Amino acid sequence: MKKTISIETIKKIDPDYSYLSNVVTDETEELTIKQWIEKYRKVIHATDIIWLIVRREFMSEKDLRLFSVWCAREALKLIEDPDYRSISACDVAERYANGEATKEELNTAHAYAIASYHDVNHYAYSDECDIYDYYDTVHAAYVATYAAVYASDIEADYHAATYVIDDYHVGDSHIDKLLTYFE
């Protein structure tokens, strides 16, 4: 697992790193992950930092899953009465990351997260739902929960982290949490 990041590292992850090339310009700079995040967090959007850093090259499978669970729980806080299946899925995913749940339990939680996600989608397209902001928030929480359970996929981690980054402070809190994995 890499402990440092440089332009060379970024180019390996994304050969067309043009969205960062105006900011990260020193070809010889190689920083620890934590130093890099702290240096660029005010000039690179949180979603781009998360997209770049939340991957197996920099984080263990356990940390990826725990970060995704944290993100899902943050999204669920935005809902007045979140579906118990999503809360349970987060609990199981966290227990699994800590070696306290089986793969079978994780698969069951995955099925619950999918069912919850489908119920939200069904409700969103019904005549009862006319508040799209509410739907967007609920949808984001359930997608994040699904991602927390299915955190072995980089896209899942990225989506769990970024579905609730519409607000700058939320994105900032995600970066603060991400930094805790590199201390």
N, C-alpha and C. Protein backbone atom coordinates (compact mmCIF):
# COMPACT_ATOMS: atom_id res chain seq x y z
N MET A 1 0.85 -1.17 0.00
CA MET A 1 0.00 0.00 0.00
C MET A 1 0.90 1.24 0.00
N LYS A 2 0.58 2.18 -0.88
CA LYS A 2 1.40 3.38 -0.99
C LYS A 2 1.16 4.31 0.20
N LYS A 3 2.23 4.92 0.67
CA LYS A 3 2.15 5.86 1.79
C LYS A 3 2.38 7.30 1.33
N THR A 4 2.80 7.45 0.06
CA THR A 4 3.06 8.78 -0.48
C THR A 4 2.31 8.98 -1.78
N ILE A 5 2.24 10.23 -2.19
CA ILE A 5 1.57 10.55 -3.45
C ILE A 5 2.39 11.61 -4.19
N SER A 6 2.43 11.47 -5.51
CA SER A 6 3.17 12.39 -6.37
C SER A 6 2.38 12.53 -7.67
N ILE A 7 2.85 13.40 -8.54
CA ILE A 7 2.20 13.54 -9.85
C ILE A 7 2.26 12.21 -10.60
N GLU A 8 3.38 11.51 -10.46
CA GLU A 8 3.51 10.20 -11.12
C GLU A 8 2.42 9.23 -10.63
N THR A 9 2.18 9.22 -9.33
CA THR A 9 1.13 8.37 -8.75
C THR A 9 -0.24 8.76 -9.31
N ILE A 10 -0.50 10.05 -9.35
CA ILE A 10 -1.79 10.55 -9.85
C ILE A 10 -1.97 10.15 -11.31
N LYS A 11 -0.92 10.28 -12.12
CA LYS A 11 -1.01 9.93 -13.54
C LYS A 11 -1.28 8.44 -13.74
N LYS A 12 -0.77 7.60 -12.85
CA LYS A 12 -1.05 6.16 -12.95
C LYS A 12 -2.52 5.87 -12.68
N ILE A 13 -3.10 6.63 -11.75
CA ILE A 13 -4.51 6.45 -11.42
C ILE A 13 -5.39 7.06 -12.49
N ASP A 14 -5.00 8.23 -12.96
CA ASP A 14 -5.79 8.96 -13.95
C ASP A 14 -4.85 9.62 -14.95
N PRO A 15 -4.57 8.95 -16.09
CA PRO A 15 -3.65 9.52 -17.07
C PRO A 15 -4.05 10.92 -17.54
N ASP A 16 -5.33 11.23 -17.54
CA ASP A 16 -5.79 12.57 -17.90
C ASP A 16 -6.14 13.31 -16.62
N TYR A 17 -5.12 13.73 -15.91
CA TYR A 17 -5.35 14.38 -14.62
C TYR A 17 -5.47 15.89 -14.78
N SER A 18 -6.00 16.34 -15.90
CA SER A 18 -6.05 17.77 -16.22
C SER A 18 -6.77 18.60 -15.16
N TYR A 19 -7.75 18.00 -14.47
CA TYR A 19 -8.48 18.75 -13.45
C TYR A 19 -7.58 19.09 -12.25
N LEU A 20 -6.44 18.42 -12.11
CA LEU A 20 -5.50 18.71 -11.03
C LEU A 20 -4.23 19.39 -11.52
N SER A 21 -3.97 19.36 -12.82
CA SER A 21 -2.68 19.82 -13.33
C SER A 21 -2.42 21.31 -13.11
N ASN A 22 -3.47 22.10 -12.96
CA ASN A 22 -3.26 23.53 -12.69
C ASN A 22 -2.91 23.79 -11.23
N VAL A 23 -3.17 22.82 -10.38
CA VAL A 23 -2.94 22.98 -8.94
C VAL A 23 -1.69 22.22 -8.49
N VAL A 24 -1.59 20.98 -8.91
CA VAL A 24 -0.45 20.14 -8.54
C VAL A 24 0.55 20.24 -9.69
N THR A 25 1.55 21.09 -9.51
CA THR A 25 2.44 21.40 -10.63
C THR A 25 3.89 20.95 -10.42
N ASP A 26 4.28 20.68 -9.21
CA ASP A 26 5.67 20.30 -8.93
C ASP A 26 5.88 18.83 -9.26
N GLU A 27 6.59 18.59 -10.35
CA GLU A 27 6.84 17.21 -10.82
C GLU A 27 7.66 16.38 -9.83
N THR A 28 8.43 17.05 -8.98
CA THR A 28 9.30 16.31 -8.05
C THR A 28 8.68 16.15 -6.66
N GLU A 29 7.56 16.78 -6.43
CA GLU A 29 6.94 16.73 -5.11
C GLU A 29 6.40 15.33 -4.80
N GLU A 30 6.80 14.81 -3.65
CA GLU A 30 6.26 13.55 -3.16
C GLU A 30 5.97 13.74 -1.68
N LEU A 31 4.70 13.66 -1.33
CA LEU A 31 4.26 13.92 0.04
C LEU A 31 3.57 12.68 0.60
N THR A 32 3.53 12.61 1.93
CA THR A 32 2.70 11.56 2.52
C THR A 32 1.25 11.88 2.15
N ILE A 33 0.39 10.90 2.24
CA ILE A 33 -1.02 11.11 1.90
C ILE A 33 -1.59 12.23 2.76
N LYS A 34 -1.31 12.19 4.04
CA LYS A 34 -1.84 13.21 4.95
C LYS A 34 -1.33 14.61 4.58
N GLN A 35 -0.03 14.73 4.31
CA GLN A 35 0.53 16.03 3.91
C GLN A 35 -0.12 16.52 2.61
N TRP A 36 -0.31 15.61 1.67
CA TRP A 36 -0.89 15.99 0.38
C TRP A 36 -2.31 16.51 0.56
N ILE A 37 -3.11 15.78 1.34
CA ILE A 37 -4.50 16.22 1.58
C ILE A 37 -4.51 17.58 2.27
N GLU A 38 -3.69 17.72 3.31
CA GLU A 38 -3.67 18.99 4.03
C GLU A 38 -3.21 20.15 3.15
N LYS A 39 -2.26 19.89 2.27
CA LYS A 39 -1.76 20.95 1.38
C LYS A 39 -2.80 21.38 0.36
N TYR A 40 -3.54 20.42 -0.20
CA TYR A 40 -4.42 20.72 -1.34
C TYR A 40 -5.91 20.79 -1.01
N ARG A 41 -6.30 20.54 0.20
CA ARG A 41 -7.74 20.47 0.52
C ARG A 41 -8.49 21.77 0.30
N LYS A 42 -7.80 22.90 0.35
CA LYS A 42 -8.48 24.19 0.16
C LYS A 42 -8.56 24.59 -1.32
N VAL A 43 -7.83 23.88 -2.18
CA VAL A 43 -7.83 24.24 -3.61
C VAL A 43 -8.35 23.13 -4.52
N ILE A 44 -8.48 21.93 -3.99
CA ILE A 44 -9.04 20.82 -4.76
C ILE A 44 -10.34 20.41 -4.07
N HIS A 45 -11.39 20.28 -4.84
CA HIS A 45 -12.72 19.96 -4.29
C HIS A 45 -12.67 18.62 -3.55
N ALA A 46 -13.44 18.54 -2.47
CA ALA A 46 -13.48 17.33 -1.64
C ALA A 46 -13.78 16.08 -2.44
N THR A 47 -14.69 16.17 -3.41
CA THR A 47 -15.03 14.96 -4.19
C THR A 47 -13.82 14.47 -4.98
N ASP A 48 -12.99 15.39 -5.47
CA ASP A 48 -11.80 14.97 -6.22
C ASP A 48 -10.76 14.34 -5.30
N ILE A 49 -10.61 14.89 -4.11
CA ILE A 49 -9.67 14.29 -3.14
C ILE A 49 -10.15 12.90 -2.77
N ILE A 50 -11.42 12.77 -2.49
CA ILE A 50 -11.97 11.47 -2.12
C ILE A 50 -11.83 10.48 -3.27
N TRP A 51 -12.13 10.93 -4.48
CA TRP A 51 -11.99 10.05 -5.65
C TRP A 51 -10.56 9.55 -5.78
N LEU A 52 -9.61 10.42 -5.53
CA LEU A 52 -8.21 10.06 -5.70
C LEU A 52 -7.68 9.16 -4.57
N ILE A 53 -8.05 9.45 -3.35
CA ILE A 53 -7.44 8.79 -2.19
C ILE A 53 -8.18 7.54 -1.73
N VAL A 54 -9.50 7.51 -1.88
CA VAL A 54 -10.28 6.39 -1.35
C VAL A 54 -10.22 5.23 -2.35
N ARG A 55 -9.13 4.49 -2.25
CA ARG A 55 -8.89 3.34 -3.13
C ARG A 55 -7.85 2.43 -2.49
N ARG A 56 -7.77 1.23 -3.01
CA ARG A 56 -6.89 0.21 -2.44
C ARG A 56 -5.41 0.58 -2.47
N GLU A 57 -5.03 1.46 -3.37
CA GLU A 57 -3.62 1.86 -3.43
C GLU A 57 -3.18 2.57 -2.14
N PHE A 58 -4.13 3.20 -1.46
CA PHE A 58 -3.79 4.02 -0.30
C PHE A 58 -4.42 3.56 1.01
N MET A 59 -5.48 2.78 0.94
CA MET A 59 -6.21 2.39 2.15
C MET A 59 -6.44 0.88 2.17
N SER A 60 -6.45 0.32 3.35
CA SER A 60 -6.74 -1.11 3.48
C SER A 60 -8.22 -1.36 3.21
N GLU A 61 -8.55 -2.61 2.94
CA GLU A 61 -9.95 -3.00 2.73
C GLU A 61 -10.79 -2.63 3.95
N LYS A 62 -10.23 -2.87 5.12
CA LYS A 62 -10.95 -2.54 6.36
C LYS A 62 -11.23 -1.04 6.45
N ASP A 63 -10.21 -0.22 6.20
CA ASP A 63 -10.40 1.23 6.27
C ASP A 63 -11.36 1.73 5.19
N LEU A 64 -11.30 1.15 4.00
CA LEU A 64 -12.24 1.53 2.95
C LEU A 64 -13.67 1.28 3.41
N ARG A 65 -13.90 0.10 3.98
CA ARG A 65 -15.25 -0.25 4.42
C ARG A 65 -15.68 0.65 5.59
N LEU A 66 -14.79 0.88 6.55
CA LEU A 66 -15.16 1.72 7.70
C LEU A 66 -15.44 3.16 7.27
N PHE A 67 -14.67 3.66 6.32
CA PHE A 67 -14.93 5.02 5.81
C PHE A 67 -16.27 5.06 5.10
N SER A 68 -16.57 4.05 4.32
CA SER A 68 -17.87 4.00 3.64
C SER A 68 -19.02 3.92 4.63
N VAL A 69 -18.84 3.13 5.68
CA VAL A 69 -19.88 3.04 6.71
C VAL A 69 -20.08 4.40 7.37
N TRP A 70 -18.99 5.07 7.68
CA TRP A 70 -19.10 6.40 8.29
C TRP A 70 -19.86 7.35 7.37
N CYS A 71 -19.52 7.32 6.08
CA CYS A 71 -20.21 8.18 5.10
C CYS A 71 -21.70 7.85 5.03
N ALA A 72 -22.02 6.56 5.03
CA ALA A 72 -23.43 6.16 4.98
C ALA A 72 -24.17 6.64 6.21
N ARG A 73 -23.54 6.52 7.37
CA ARG A 73 -24.19 6.99 8.60
C ARG A 73 -24.40 8.51 8.56
N GLU A 74 -23.46 9.24 7.99
CA GLU A 74 -23.62 10.69 7.84
C GLU A 74 -24.81 11.00 6.94
N ALA A 75 -24.96 10.23 5.87
CA ALA A 75 -26.10 10.44 4.97
C ALA A 75 -27.41 10.10 5.67
N LEU A 76 -27.41 9.05 6.46
CA LEU A 76 -28.63 8.65 7.17
C LEU A 76 -29.06 9.68 8.21
N LYS A 77 -28.12 10.46 8.71
CA LYS A 77 -28.45 11.53 9.66
C LYS A 77 -29.35 12.60 9.03
N LEU A 78 -29.34 12.67 7.71
CA LEU A 78 -30.13 13.68 7.01
C LEU A 78 -31.60 13.30 6.91
N ILE A 79 -31.93 12.09 7.32
CA ILE A 79 -33.30 11.58 7.21
C ILE A 79 -33.93 11.52 8.59
N GLU A 80 -35.14 12.02 8.68
CA GLU A 80 -35.84 12.05 9.96
C GLU A 80 -36.04 10.65 10.54
N ASP A 81 -36.46 9.72 9.73
CA ASP A 81 -36.74 8.37 10.20
C ASP A 81 -36.18 7.36 9.18
N PRO A 82 -34.87 7.11 9.23
CA PRO A 82 -34.28 6.21 8.23
C PRO A 82 -34.78 4.78 8.36
N ASP A 83 -34.81 4.08 7.27
CA ASP A 83 -35.23 2.69 7.22
C ASP A 83 -34.30 1.84 8.10
N TYR A 84 -34.88 1.01 8.94
CA TYR A 84 -34.10 0.17 9.85
C TYR A 84 -33.14 -0.74 9.09
N ARG A 85 -33.50 -1.12 7.85
CA ARG A 85 -32.63 -2.02 7.09
C ARG A 85 -31.32 -1.34 6.74
N SER A 86 -31.36 -0.04 6.48
CA SER A 86 -30.13 0.69 6.18
C SER A 86 -29.24 0.82 7.41
N ILE A 87 -29.87 1.08 8.54
CA ILE A 87 -29.10 1.17 9.79
C ILE A 87 -28.46 -0.18 10.09
N SER A 88 -29.24 -1.24 9.94
CA SER A 88 -28.74 -2.59 10.19
C SER A 88 -27.61 -2.93 9.22
N ALA A 89 -27.75 -2.55 7.96
CA ALA A 89 -26.71 -2.82 6.97
C ALA A 89 -25.40 -2.14 7.36
N CYS A 90 -25.50 -0.91 7.84
CA CYS A 90 -24.29 -0.21 8.31
C CYS A 90 -23.67 -0.94 9.50
N ASP A 91 -24.50 -1.36 10.42
CA ASP A 91 -24.00 -2.07 11.61
C ASP A 91 -23.25 -3.34 11.20
N VAL A 92 -23.85 -4.10 10.31
CA VAL A 92 -23.23 -5.36 9.87
C VAL A 92 -21.95 -5.08 9.09
N ALA A 93 -21.96 -4.09 8.22
CA ALA A 93 -20.76 -3.75 7.44
C ALA A 93 -19.62 -3.34 8.37
N GLU A 94 -19.94 -2.59 9.41
CA GLU A 94 -18.92 -2.17 10.37
C GLU A 94 -18.40 -3.38 11.16
N ARG A 95 -19.30 -4.23 11.59
CA ARG A 95 -18.88 -5.44 12.30
C ARG A 95 -18.02 -6.33 11.41
N TYR A 96 -18.39 -6.43 10.14
CA TYR A 96 -17.62 -7.24 9.19
C TYR A 96 -16.20 -6.67 9.04
N ALA A 97 -16.11 -5.36 8.90
CA ALA A 97 -14.80 -4.72 8.76
C ALA A 97 -13.91 -5.01 9.97
N ASN A 98 -14.53 -5.11 11.13
CA ASN A 98 -13.79 -5.37 12.37
C ASN A 98 -13.65 -6.86 12.69
N GLY A 99 -14.04 -7.72 11.74
CA GLY A 99 -13.90 -9.16 11.93
C GLY A 99 -14.93 -9.77 12.86
N GLU A 100 -16.05 -9.08 13.06
CA GLU A 100 -17.06 -9.54 14.02
C GLU A 100 -18.34 -10.04 13.35
N ALA A 101 -18.36 -10.09 12.03
CA ALA A 101 -19.52 -10.61 11.29
C ALA A 101 -19.01 -11.47 10.15
N THR A 102 -19.82 -12.42 9.74
CA THR A 102 -19.43 -13.33 8.67
C THR A 102 -19.78 -12.74 7.30
N LYS A 103 -19.21 -13.36 6.28
CA LYS A 103 -19.53 -12.97 4.91
C LYS A 103 -21.02 -13.20 4.64
N GLU A 104 -21.58 -14.26 5.21
CA GLU A 104 -23.01 -14.55 5.04
C GLU A 104 -23.86 -13.42 5.64
N GLU A 105 -23.48 -12.94 6.81
CA GLU A 105 -24.21 -11.82 7.42
C GLU A 105 -24.09 -10.56 6.56
N LEU A 106 -22.90 -10.36 6.00
CA LEU A 106 -22.71 -9.21 5.12
C LEU A 106 -23.58 -9.32 3.87
N ASN A 107 -23.66 -10.52 3.30
CA ASN A 107 -24.51 -10.73 2.12
C ASN A 107 -25.98 -10.48 2.45
N THR A 108 -26.42 -10.88 3.63
CA THR A 108 -27.80 -10.62 4.05
C THR A 108 -28.03 -9.12 4.20
N ALA A 109 -27.07 -8.43 4.81
CA ALA A 109 -27.18 -6.97 4.95
C ALA A 109 -27.22 -6.30 3.58
N HIS A 110 -26.45 -6.84 2.65
CA HIS A 110 -26.43 -6.35 1.27
C HIS A 110 -27.83 -6.47 0.66
N ALA A 111 -28.47 -7.61 0.87
CA ALA A 111 -29.83 -7.82 0.35
C ALA A 111 -30.81 -6.83 0.98
N TYR A 112 -30.66 -6.57 2.28
CA TYR A 112 -31.52 -5.59 2.95
C TYR A 112 -31.30 -4.19 2.38
N ALA A 113 -30.05 -3.84 2.15
CA ALA A 113 -29.75 -2.51 1.60
C ALA A 113 -30.36 -2.36 0.21
N ILE A 114 -30.28 -3.42 -0.60
CA ILE A 114 -30.88 -3.37 -1.94
C ILE A 114 -32.39 -3.23 -1.83
N ALA A 115 -33.02 -3.98 -0.95
CA ALA A 115 -34.48 -3.89 -0.78
C ALA A 115 -34.89 -2.49 -0.33
N SER A 116 -34.15 -1.93 0.58
CA SER A 116 -34.44 -0.58 1.06
C SER A 116 -34.29 0.43 -0.09
N TYR A 117 -33.23 0.29 -0.85
CA TYR A 117 -32.98 1.16 -2.01
C TYR A 117 -34.14 1.07 -3.01
N HIS A 118 -34.59 -0.14 -3.30
CA HIS A 118 -35.70 -0.32 -4.25
C HIS A 118 -37.00 0.27 -3.71
N ASP A 119 -37.23 0.14 -2.42
CA ASP A 119 -38.43 0.74 -1.83
C ASP A 119 -38.42 2.25 -1.97
N VAL A 120 -37.27 2.86 -1.76
CA VAL A 120 -37.16 4.32 -1.91
C VAL A 120 -37.40 4.72 -3.36
N ASN A 121 -36.83 3.98 -4.29
CA ASN A 121 -37.06 4.29 -5.71
C ASN A 121 -38.52 4.14 -6.08
N HIS A 122 -39.16 3.09 -5.58
CA HIS A 122 -40.58 2.87 -5.86
C HIS A 122 -41.41 4.03 -5.34
N TYR A 123 -41.12 4.47 -4.11
CA TYR A 123 -41.85 5.59 -3.51
C TYR A 123 -41.62 6.87 -4.32
N ALA A 124 -40.40 7.07 -4.77
CA ALA A 124 -40.06 8.31 -5.48
C ALA A 124 -40.86 8.47 -6.76
N TYR A 125 -41.20 7.38 -7.39
CA TYR A 125 -41.94 7.45 -8.65
C TYR A 125 -43.44 7.28 -8.46
N SER A 126 -43.88 7.28 -7.23
CA SER A 126 -45.32 7.17 -6.97
C SER A 126 -45.95 8.55 -6.94
N ASP A 127 -47.26 8.59 -6.97
CA ASP A 127 -47.98 9.86 -6.90
C ASP A 127 -47.83 10.53 -5.54
N GLU A 128 -47.48 9.75 -4.53
CA GLU A 128 -47.36 10.30 -3.18
C GLU A 128 -46.14 11.21 -3.02
N CYS A 129 -45.15 11.02 -3.83
CA CYS A 129 -43.90 11.76 -3.66
C CYS A 129 -43.86 12.95 -4.61
N ASP A 130 -43.93 14.13 -4.06
CA ASP A 130 -43.81 15.32 -4.89
C ASP A 130 -42.72 16.25 -4.36
N ILE A 131 -41.98 15.79 -3.39
CA ILE A 131 -40.91 16.61 -2.83
C ILE A 131 -39.58 16.01 -3.27
N TYR A 132 -39.06 16.51 -4.38
CA TYR A 132 -37.86 15.92 -4.95
C TYR A 132 -36.63 16.11 -4.08
N ASP A 133 -36.55 17.19 -3.32
CA ASP A 133 -35.41 17.36 -2.42
C ASP A 133 -35.39 16.26 -1.38
N TYR A 134 -36.56 15.94 -0.86
CA TYR A 134 -36.65 14.87 0.13
C TYR A 134 -36.20 13.56 -0.51
N TYR A 135 -36.69 13.29 -1.71
CA TYR A 135 -36.30 12.06 -2.39
C TYR A 135 -34.79 12.01 -2.59
N ASP A 136 -34.20 13.13 -3.03
CA ASP A 136 -32.76 13.14 -3.26
C ASP A 136 -31.98 12.81 -2.00
N THR A 137 -32.41 13.36 -0.87
CA THR A 137 -31.73 13.09 0.40
C THR A 137 -31.87 11.63 0.79
N VAL A 138 -33.09 11.11 0.72
CA VAL A 138 -33.34 9.72 1.08
C VAL A 138 -32.58 8.79 0.13
N HIS A 139 -32.65 9.09 -1.15
CA HIS A 139 -31.96 8.29 -2.15
C HIS A 139 -30.45 8.26 -1.86
N ALA A 140 -29.89 9.42 -1.55
CA ALA A 140 -28.46 9.49 -1.26
C ALA A 140 -28.10 8.62 -0.06
N ALA A 141 -28.92 8.66 0.96
CA ALA A 141 -28.64 7.87 2.16
C ALA A 141 -28.66 6.38 1.85
N TYR A 142 -29.63 5.95 1.07
CA TYR A 142 -29.72 4.52 0.78
C TYR A 142 -28.64 4.06 -0.18
N VAL A 143 -28.26 4.90 -1.12
CA VAL A 143 -27.15 4.53 -2.00
C VAL A 143 -25.86 4.45 -1.19
N ALA A 144 -25.68 5.39 -0.27
CA ALA A 144 -24.50 5.36 0.58
C ALA A 144 -24.47 4.11 1.44
N THR A 145 -25.62 3.72 1.97
CA THR A 145 -25.69 2.51 2.79
C THR A 145 -25.36 1.28 1.94
N TYR A 146 -25.92 1.21 0.76
CA TYR A 146 -25.62 0.11 -0.16
C TYR A 146 -24.11 0.06 -0.41
N ALA A 147 -23.53 1.23 -0.63
CA ALA A 147 -22.09 1.29 -0.89
C ALA A 147 -21.27 0.84 0.31
N ALA A 148 -21.72 1.16 1.50
CA ALA A 148 -20.99 0.75 2.70
C ALA A 148 -20.93 -0.77 2.82
N VAL A 149 -22.00 -1.42 2.45
CA VAL A 149 -22.04 -2.88 2.51
C VAL A 149 -21.19 -3.48 1.40
N TYR A 150 -21.16 -2.81 0.27
CA TYR A 150 -20.46 -3.32 -0.91
C TYR A 150 -19.15 -2.55 -1.12
N ALA A 151 -18.42 -2.29 -0.04
CA ALA A 151 -17.28 -1.38 -0.07
C ALA A 151 -16.02 -1.92 -0.70
N SER A 152 -16.03 -3.12 -1.24
CA SER A 152 -14.82 -3.63 -1.86
C SER A 152 -14.60 -3.04 -3.25
N ASP A 153 -15.54 -2.29 -3.73
CA ASP A 153 -15.47 -1.68 -5.05
C ASP A 153 -15.17 -0.19 -4.90
N ILE A 154 -14.15 0.31 -5.59
CA ILE A 154 -13.77 1.72 -5.48
C ILE A 154 -14.94 2.63 -5.82
N GLU A 155 -15.73 2.27 -6.79
CA GLU A 155 -16.89 3.11 -7.13
C GLU A 155 -17.87 3.18 -5.96
N ALA A 156 -18.02 2.09 -5.24
CA ALA A 156 -18.92 2.10 -4.08
C ALA A 156 -18.41 3.05 -3.02
N ASP A 157 -17.12 3.01 -2.75
CA ASP A 157 -16.54 3.91 -1.75
C ASP A 157 -16.72 5.36 -2.17
N TYR A 158 -16.43 5.63 -3.41
CA TYR A 158 -16.55 7.00 -3.91
C TYR A 158 -17.98 7.49 -3.80
N HIS A 159 -18.94 6.67 -4.20
CA HIS A 159 -20.34 7.09 -4.14
C HIS A 159 -20.81 7.25 -2.70
N ALA A 160 -20.39 6.37 -1.82
CA ALA A 160 -20.77 6.52 -0.41
C ALA A 160 -20.28 7.84 0.13
N ALA A 161 -19.08 8.20 -0.24
CA ALA A 161 -18.49 9.43 0.28
C ALA A 161 -19.06 10.69 -0.36
N THR A 162 -19.39 10.63 -1.62
CA THR A 162 -19.73 11.87 -2.32
C THR A 162 -21.22 12.15 -2.47
N TYR A 163 -22.07 11.21 -2.16
CA TYR A 163 -23.50 11.45 -2.33
C TYR A 163 -24.03 12.57 -1.45
N VAL A 164 -23.32 12.88 -0.37
CA VAL A 164 -23.80 13.93 0.53
C VAL A 164 -22.86 15.13 0.57
N ILE A 165 -22.02 15.31 -0.42
CA ILE A 165 -21.06 16.41 -0.41
C ILE A 165 -21.58 17.63 -1.16
N ASP A 166 -22.86 17.84 -1.20
CA ASP A 166 -23.39 19.03 -1.84
C ASP A 166 -23.05 20.28 -1.03
N ASP A 167 -22.94 20.13 0.26
CA ASP A 167 -22.65 21.23 1.16
C ASP A 167 -21.15 21.22 1.46
N TYR A 168 -20.49 22.37 1.38
CA TYR A 168 -19.04 22.44 1.58
C TYR A 168 -18.63 21.87 2.93
N HIS A 169 -19.38 22.18 3.99
CA HIS A 169 -19.02 21.70 5.31
C HIS A 169 -19.12 20.18 5.42
N VAL A 170 -20.09 19.61 4.74
CA VAL A 170 -20.19 18.15 4.74
C VAL A 170 -18.96 17.57 4.06
N GLY A 171 -18.57 18.13 2.93
CA GLY A 171 -17.36 17.68 2.25
C GLY A 171 -16.14 17.84 3.12
N ASP A 172 -16.06 18.95 3.84
CA ASP A 172 -14.95 19.21 4.73
C ASP A 172 -14.90 18.17 5.85
N SER A 173 -16.06 17.80 6.38
CA SER A 173 -16.08 16.78 7.44
C SER A 173 -15.64 15.43 6.89
N HIS A 174 -15.94 15.16 5.64
CA HIS A 174 -15.49 13.91 5.02
C HIS A 174 -13.96 13.89 4.90
N ILE A 175 -13.39 15.02 4.52
CA ILE A 175 -11.93 15.10 4.42
C ILE A 175 -11.30 14.95 5.81
N ASP A 176 -11.90 15.60 6.81
CA ASP A 176 -11.39 15.46 8.18
C ASP A 176 -11.40 13.99 8.60
N LYS A 177 -12.48 13.29 8.32
CA LYS A 177 -12.57 11.87 8.67
C LYS A 177 -11.54 11.06 7.88
N LEU A 178 -11.40 11.35 6.60
CA LEU A 178 -10.44 10.64 5.76
C LEU A 178 -9.02 10.78 6.33
N LEU A 179 -8.68 11.97 6.81
CA LEU A 179 -7.35 12.20 7.37
C LEU A 179 -7.05 11.28 8.56
N THR A 180 -8.07 10.88 9.29
CA THR A 180 -7.84 10.03 10.46
C THR A 180 -7.27 8.66 10.08
N TYR A 181 -7.44 8.26 8.85
CA TYR A 181 -6.92 6.97 8.41
C TYR A 181 -5.43 7.04 8.04
N PHE A 182 -4.86 8.23 8.05
CA PHE A 182 -3.46 8.40 7.65
C PHE A 182 -2.60 8.99 8.76
N GLU A 183 -3.02 8.81 9.99
CA GLU A 183 -2.24 9.34 11.13
C GLU A 183 -1.19 8.36 11.56
